[in-house]
Amino acid sequence: MTDTTRPAGQAGTFLLGDRTVNRMGYGAMQLAGPGVVGPPRDPDAAVAVLREAISLGINHIDTSDFYGPHVTNQIIRQALHPYPDELVIVTKVGARRPADGSWVPAMSRQELTQAVHDNLRNFRLDALDIVNLRMMGEGHGPLEESLVGPLTVLAELREQGLIRHLGLSNVTPAQLAEAQTITEIVCVQNLYNVARREDDAFLGDLARQGIAYVPFFPLGGFSPLQSDTLSSVAQTLGATPMQVALAWLLHRSPNVLVIPGTSSVTHLRENVAAAALALPAEALAQLDTIGVPAPR
């Protein structure tokens, strides 16, 4: 049962698949080494972050077996197995990491099937809670291309009982519509934050359908958010800019689930504190100007 009295529960809950999760979650990508390759510099610290996340009430962890590769999921298993009953782990497939550390599409039947089995082995699970098909797109943005082939493979693996629910990552509204002709989609994970709001209309449509929207790079990703407006609002509220950016996402729509990542217990606690941060109407109005292009 979701505990909304702990810090991560202060922003409320949402139904993710058939499980209710706190809207403040955790993204595990930063638990791998530099460039999301290899082991972390301090494996004990990585374990400590995950255990602290659970103690703060986080029950939604986002990860992928191509982080490392394999490293992040193995750390999750080491830190948390046997997993708490309320924990929902969401993983991604659709890419592989060759020796040069690049990100290469891995969409064949064999690659996707192997990826699911790798996740099961590294988590030590019989079935995965949610698997997102990660379309590689163009950089961190989607491309209009068919996802019928790879999603059909994952739907078959779901029918076999290896996956409970399916989601999508880095997709367009047209791709979601195409996916929904194949299987139920419980979440969409796209690039979105206070400064990058291309998905405003898409987010609203997902809310009307009861589908979770999970912004990746909620704090800017590899290039952290920088905004005078964000800093000014944060100073007024006695919060950090990153806390305000997370609070803005949580205020944006009730179907938004945030998954900020960190390899630091201190930063984890700061991020989770954003779940309780109230944003007055004036602050929201100021923040809404960050992602709006200046008039020419």
Protein backbone atom coordinates (compact mmCIF):
# COMPACT_ATOMS: atom_id res chain seq x y z
CA MET A 1 0.00 0.00 0.00
CA THR A 2 1.34 3.43 -0.95
CA ASP A 3 2.36 5.49 2.08
CA THR A 4 1.63 9.16 1.35
CA THR A 5 2.87 10.28 4.77
CA ARG A 6 6.54 9.89 3.88
CA PRO A 7 8.31 12.70 1.96
CA ALA A 8 7.92 11.20 -1.52
CA GLY A 9 4.18 10.87 -0.99
CA GLN A 10 3.55 14.56 -0.42
CA ALA A 11 2.75 15.22 -4.10
CA GLY A 12 0.06 12.55 -4.23
CA THR A 13 -0.27 9.36 -6.23
CA PHE A 14 -1.19 8.13 -9.70
CA LEU A 15 -2.16 4.76 -11.15
CA LEU A 16 0.77 3.36 -13.14
CA GLY A 17 -0.46 0.24 -14.86
CA ASP A 18 -2.39 -1.54 -12.14
CA ARG A 19 -0.26 -0.14 -9.30
CA THR A 20 -0.61 3.11 -7.40
CA VAL A 21 2.71 4.94 -7.07
CA ASN A 22 3.84 8.16 -5.47
CA ARG A 23 4.31 10.84 -8.12
CA MET A 24 7.82 11.56 -6.85
CA GLY A 25 10.01 8.75 -8.13
CA TYR A 26 13.67 8.13 -8.87
CA GLY A 27 15.68 7.70 -12.08
CA ALA A 28 18.65 5.36 -11.74
CA MET A 29 20.75 6.36 -14.77
CA GLN A 30 23.31 8.28 -12.70
CA LEU A 31 24.15 5.19 -10.65
CA ALA A 32 26.35 3.94 -13.50
CA GLY A 33 29.84 5.25 -14.16
CA PRO A 34 30.82 8.35 -16.18
CA GLY A 35 28.97 8.55 -19.47
CA VAL A 36 26.54 5.93 -18.13
CA VAL A 37 29.23 3.31 -18.77
CA GLY A 38 30.78 0.90 -16.29
CA PRO A 39 30.46 0.75 -12.52
CA PRO A 40 30.04 3.80 -10.26
CA ARG A 41 33.08 5.31 -8.58
CA ASP A 42 31.55 4.43 -5.20
CA PRO A 43 29.32 1.31 -5.34
CA ASP A 44 28.45 1.57 -1.64
CA ALA A 45 27.16 5.12 -2.18
CA ALA A 46 24.96 3.89 -5.05
CA VAL A 47 23.44 1.24 -2.80
CA ALA A 48 22.91 3.86 -0.08
CA VAL A 49 21.02 6.15 -2.49
CA LEU A 50 18.61 3.38 -3.48
CA ARG A 51 17.94 2.35 0.10
CA GLU A 52 17.40 5.98 1.12
CA ALA A 53 14.98 6.39 -1.79
CA ILE A 54 12.86 3.57 -0.43
CA SER A 55 13.00 4.97 3.10
CA LEU A 56 11.77 8.34 1.78
CA GLY A 57 8.71 6.66 0.29
CA ILE A 58 9.78 6.35 -3.35
CA ASN A 59 8.05 3.35 -4.91
CA HIS A 60 8.68 4.04 -8.62
CA ILE A 61 12.20 3.51 -9.94
CA ASP A 62 13.06 4.10 -13.59
CA THR A 63 16.07 2.31 -15.07
CA SER A 64 17.38 0.34 -18.04
CA ASP A 65 19.65 -2.62 -18.50
CA PHE A 66 21.58 -0.63 -21.12
CA TYR A 67 22.76 1.71 -18.35
CA GLY A 68 26.25 0.44 -17.74
CA PRO A 69 25.29 -1.82 -19.50
CA HIS A 70 23.79 -4.11 -16.83
CA VAL A 71 25.45 -2.17 -14.00
CA THR A 72 22.48 -0.14 -12.79
CA ASN A 73 20.05 -3.03 -12.64
CA GLN A 74 22.57 -5.19 -10.82
CA ILE A 75 23.02 -2.43 -8.22
CA ILE A 76 19.23 -2.18 -7.81
CA ARG A 77 19.11 -5.92 -7.17
CA GLN A 78 21.99 -5.75 -4.71
CA ALA A 79 20.43 -2.87 -2.79
CA LEU A 80 16.75 -3.82 -2.79
CA HIS A 81 16.18 -7.52 -3.51
CA PRO A 82 13.88 -8.95 -2.26
CA TYR A 83 11.92 -5.93 -3.40
CA PRO A 84 9.30 -4.15 -1.30
CA ASP A 85 5.79 -5.17 -2.32
CA GLU A 86 4.86 -1.60 -3.24
CA LEU A 87 7.90 -0.99 -5.50
CA VAL A 88 7.30 -0.61 -9.24
CA ILE A 89 10.41 -0.89 -11.42
CA VAL A 90 10.15 0.50 -14.94
CA THR A 91 12.84 -0.46 -17.42
CA LYS A 92 13.56 0.39 -21.07
CA VAL A 93 14.61 -1.66 -24.08
CA GLY A 94 15.47 -0.73 -27.63
CA ALA A 95 19.15 0.19 -27.43
CA ARG A 96 22.53 -1.38 -26.80
CA ARG A 97 25.89 0.01 -25.70
CA PRO A 98 28.91 -1.13 -27.71
CA ALA A 99 32.44 -0.84 -26.37
CA ASP A 100 32.79 2.78 -27.51
CA GLY A 101 29.94 3.83 -25.19
CA SER A 102 27.63 4.96 -27.99
CA TRP A 103 23.86 4.39 -28.05
CA VAL A 104 22.83 2.07 -30.87
CA PRO A 105 19.28 0.95 -31.78
CA ALA A 106 18.53 -2.65 -30.84
CA MET A 107 15.08 -3.33 -32.24
CA SER A 108 15.26 -6.80 -33.77
CA ARG A 109 13.21 -9.65 -32.34
CA GLN A 110 16.36 -11.32 -31.05
CA GLU A 111 17.71 -8.12 -29.46
CA LEU A 112 14.45 -7.21 -27.74
CA THR A 113 13.89 -10.75 -26.48
CA GLN A 114 17.45 -10.88 -25.16
CA ALA A 115 17.01 -7.48 -23.50
CA VAL A 116 13.92 -8.63 -21.63
CA HIS A 117 15.67 -11.77 -20.44
CA ASP A 118 18.74 -9.74 -19.42
CA ASN A 119 16.49 -7.51 -17.32
CA LEU A 120 14.82 -10.51 -15.71
CA ARG A 121 18.17 -12.07 -14.86
CA ASN A 122 19.79 -8.92 -13.53
CA PHE A 123 16.76 -8.00 -11.41
CA ARG A 124 16.26 -11.64 -10.38
CA LEU A 125 12.58 -11.45 -11.31
CA ASP A 126 10.12 -13.74 -13.07
CA ALA A 127 8.24 -10.84 -14.68
CA LEU A 128 8.98 -7.17 -15.29
CA ASP A 129 6.50 -4.59 -13.95
CA ILE A 130 6.69 -2.20 -16.92
CA VAL A 131 8.86 -2.20 -20.03
CA ASN A 132 9.14 0.96 -22.13
CA LEU A 133 10.01 0.63 -25.80
CA ARG A 134 12.64 3.35 -26.23
CA MET A 135 12.51 4.71 -29.77
CA MET A 136 15.93 6.14 -30.62
CA GLY A 137 14.59 8.99 -32.73
CA GLU A 138 16.88 11.91 -33.45
CA GLY A 139 19.02 12.79 -30.45
CA HIS A 140 16.62 13.19 -27.56
CA GLY A 141 13.64 13.92 -29.80
CA PRO A 142 11.25 11.54 -31.58
CA LEU A 143 10.98 10.77 -35.28
CA GLU A 144 7.82 9.72 -37.06
CA GLU A 145 8.58 6.07 -37.78
CA SER A 146 6.56 2.92 -37.32
CA LEU A 147 6.95 1.02 -34.06
CA VAL A 148 4.72 -1.89 -35.05
CA GLY A 149 7.58 -4.38 -35.44
CA PRO A 150 9.34 -3.95 -32.09
CA LEU A 151 6.19 -3.31 -30.08
CA THR A 152 4.61 -6.48 -31.46
CA VAL A 153 7.60 -8.45 -30.13
CA LEU A 154 7.16 -6.90 -26.67
CA ALA A 155 3.40 -7.53 -26.75
CA GLU A 156 4.13 -11.20 -27.43
CA LEU A 157 6.51 -11.33 -24.49
CA ARG A 158 3.80 -9.75 -22.38
CA GLU A 159 1.38 -12.47 -23.48
CA GLN A 160 3.99 -14.99 -22.32
CA GLY A 161 3.85 -13.46 -18.85
CA LEU A 162 7.37 -11.97 -18.89
CA ILE A 163 6.07 -8.36 -18.85
CA ARG A 164 3.07 -7.00 -16.98
CA HIS A 165 2.63 -3.64 -18.74
CA LEU A 166 4.09 -1.74 -21.67
CA GLY A 167 5.01 1.90 -22.15
CA LEU A 168 6.75 4.07 -24.73
CA SER A 169 9.70 6.46 -24.64
CA ASN A 170 10.68 9.23 -27.08
CA VAL A 171 7.51 9.07 -29.17
CA THR A 172 4.96 11.27 -30.92
CA PRO A 173 1.16 11.29 -30.55
CA ALA A 174 0.89 9.44 -33.88
CA GLN A 175 3.20 6.71 -32.61
CA LEU A 176 1.13 6.37 -29.44
CA ALA A 177 -2.01 5.97 -31.54
CA GLU A 178 -0.27 3.31 -33.65
CA ALA A 179 0.90 1.52 -30.49
CA GLN A 180 -2.60 1.47 -29.05
CA THR A 181 -3.80 -0.62 -32.00
CA ILE A 182 -1.40 -3.32 -30.78
CA THR A 183 -1.53 -3.22 -26.98
CA GLU A 184 -2.43 -1.09 -23.97
CA ILE A 185 0.10 1.65 -23.16
CA VAL A 186 0.31 2.71 -19.51
CA CYS A 187 2.99 5.43 -19.68
CA VAL A 188 4.86 7.71 -22.05
CA GLN A 189 8.34 8.98 -21.26
CA ASN A 190 9.50 11.99 -23.28
CA LEU A 191 11.84 14.96 -22.94
CA TYR A 192 9.98 17.65 -20.99
CA ASN A 193 10.82 20.22 -18.33
CA VAL A 194 10.08 23.82 -17.43
CA ALA A 195 12.22 25.02 -20.35
CA ARG A 196 11.32 22.32 -22.93
CA ARG A 197 7.57 22.20 -23.40
CA GLU A 198 7.04 20.83 -26.90
CA ASP A 199 4.80 18.12 -25.41
CA ASP A 200 2.28 20.45 -23.73
CA ALA A 201 -0.66 19.33 -25.88
CA PHE A 202 0.46 15.68 -25.87
CA LEU A 203 0.68 15.70 -22.08
CA GLY A 204 -2.88 16.98 -21.84
CA ASP A 205 -4.16 14.28 -24.18
CA LEU A 206 -2.46 11.59 -22.11
CA ALA A 207 -4.03 13.01 -18.95
CA ARG A 208 -7.48 12.69 -20.53
CA GLN A 209 -6.70 9.04 -21.32
CA GLY A 210 -5.42 8.31 -17.81
CA ILE A 211 -1.92 7.54 -19.10
CA ALA A 212 1.09 8.51 -16.98
CA TYR A 213 3.50 11.06 -18.46
CA VAL A 214 7.07 10.64 -17.19
CA PRO A 215 9.41 13.47 -18.23
CA PHE A 216 12.99 12.41 -18.84
CA PHE A 217 15.64 15.06 -18.18
CA PRO A 218 13.26 16.84 -15.76
CA LEU A 219 16.21 18.94 -14.57
CA GLY A 220 17.84 19.36 -17.99
CA GLY A 221 19.79 16.12 -18.13
CA PHE A 222 23.42 16.41 -19.21
CA SER A 223 22.99 20.22 -19.42
CA PRO A 224 21.31 21.26 -16.15
CA LEU A 225 18.59 23.88 -16.33
CA GLN A 226 19.79 27.45 -16.01
CA SER A 227 17.33 30.33 -15.87
CA ASP A 228 17.35 33.68 -14.13
CA THR A 229 13.60 33.37 -13.67
CA LEU A 230 13.94 29.93 -12.12
CA SER A 231 16.65 31.17 -9.76
CA SER A 232 14.61 34.24 -8.81
CA VAL A 233 11.50 32.21 -7.96
CA ALA A 234 13.61 29.74 -6.00
CA GLN A 235 15.17 32.52 -3.95
CA THR A 236 11.74 33.97 -3.18
CA LEU A 237 10.46 30.58 -2.00
CA GLY A 238 13.59 29.66 -0.04
CA ALA A 239 14.15 26.62 -2.25
CA THR A 240 16.75 25.49 -4.78
CA PRO A 241 16.16 26.06 -8.52
CA MET A 242 16.03 22.29 -9.06
CA GLN A 243 13.39 21.88 -6.36
CA VAL A 244 11.29 24.55 -8.04
CA ALA A 245 11.71 22.89 -11.45
CA LEU A 246 10.48 19.57 -10.02
CA ALA A 247 7.60 21.23 -8.18
CA TRP A 248 6.56 22.93 -11.44
CA LEU A 249 6.34 19.54 -13.13
CA LEU A 250 4.27 18.11 -10.29
CA HIS A 251 1.92 21.10 -10.49
CA ARG A 252 1.71 20.82 -14.27
CA SER A 253 -0.74 17.89 -14.37
CA PRO A 254 -1.80 15.07 -12.03
CA ASN A 255 -0.62 12.41 -14.50
CA VAL A 256 2.99 13.67 -14.39
CA LEU A 257 5.39 11.37 -12.54
CA VAL A 258 8.86 12.79 -11.92
CA ILE A 259 12.00 10.65 -11.83
CA PRO A 260 14.96 12.93 -11.01
CA GLY A 261 18.23 11.05 -10.82
CA THR A 262 21.22 11.51 -8.57
CA SER A 263 24.12 9.53 -7.13
CA SER A 264 24.08 11.56 -3.89
CA VAL A 265 21.93 10.93 -0.82
CA THR A 266 22.00 14.66 -0.05
CA HIS A 267 20.72 15.59 -3.51
CA LEU A 268 18.15 12.80 -3.34
CA ARG A 269 16.70 14.28 -0.17
CA GLU A 270 16.67 17.75 -1.74
CA ASN A 271 14.84 16.42 -4.80
CA VAL A 272 12.26 14.55 -2.78
CA ALA A 273 11.57 17.65 -0.68
CA ALA A 274 10.14 19.22 -3.84
CA ALA A 275 7.09 16.98 -3.43
CA ALA A 276 5.93 19.23 -0.59
CA LEU A 277 6.84 22.55 -2.22
CA ALA A 278 3.81 24.74 -2.90
CA LEU A 279 4.03 27.15 -5.83
CA PRO A 280 1.87 30.27 -5.49
CA ALA A 281 -0.01 31.46 -8.58
CA GLU A 282 2.45 34.30 -9.11
CA ALA A 283 5.40 31.90 -9.07
CA LEU A 284 3.66 29.57 -11.54
CA ALA A 285 2.97 32.47 -13.87
CA GLN A 286 6.64 33.46 -13.80
CA LEU A 287 7.83 29.90 -14.37
CA ASP A 288 5.44 29.44 -17.28
CA THR A 289 7.33 32.14 -19.18
CA ILE A 290 10.58 30.13 -19.22
CA GLY A 291 9.47 27.71 -21.90
CA VAL A 292 7.72 30.32 -24.05
CA PRO A 293 9.82 31.78 -26.92
CA ALA A 294 10.41 35.51 -26.65
CA PRO A 295 8.41 37.56 -29.23
CA ARG A 296 10.37 38.60 -32.31
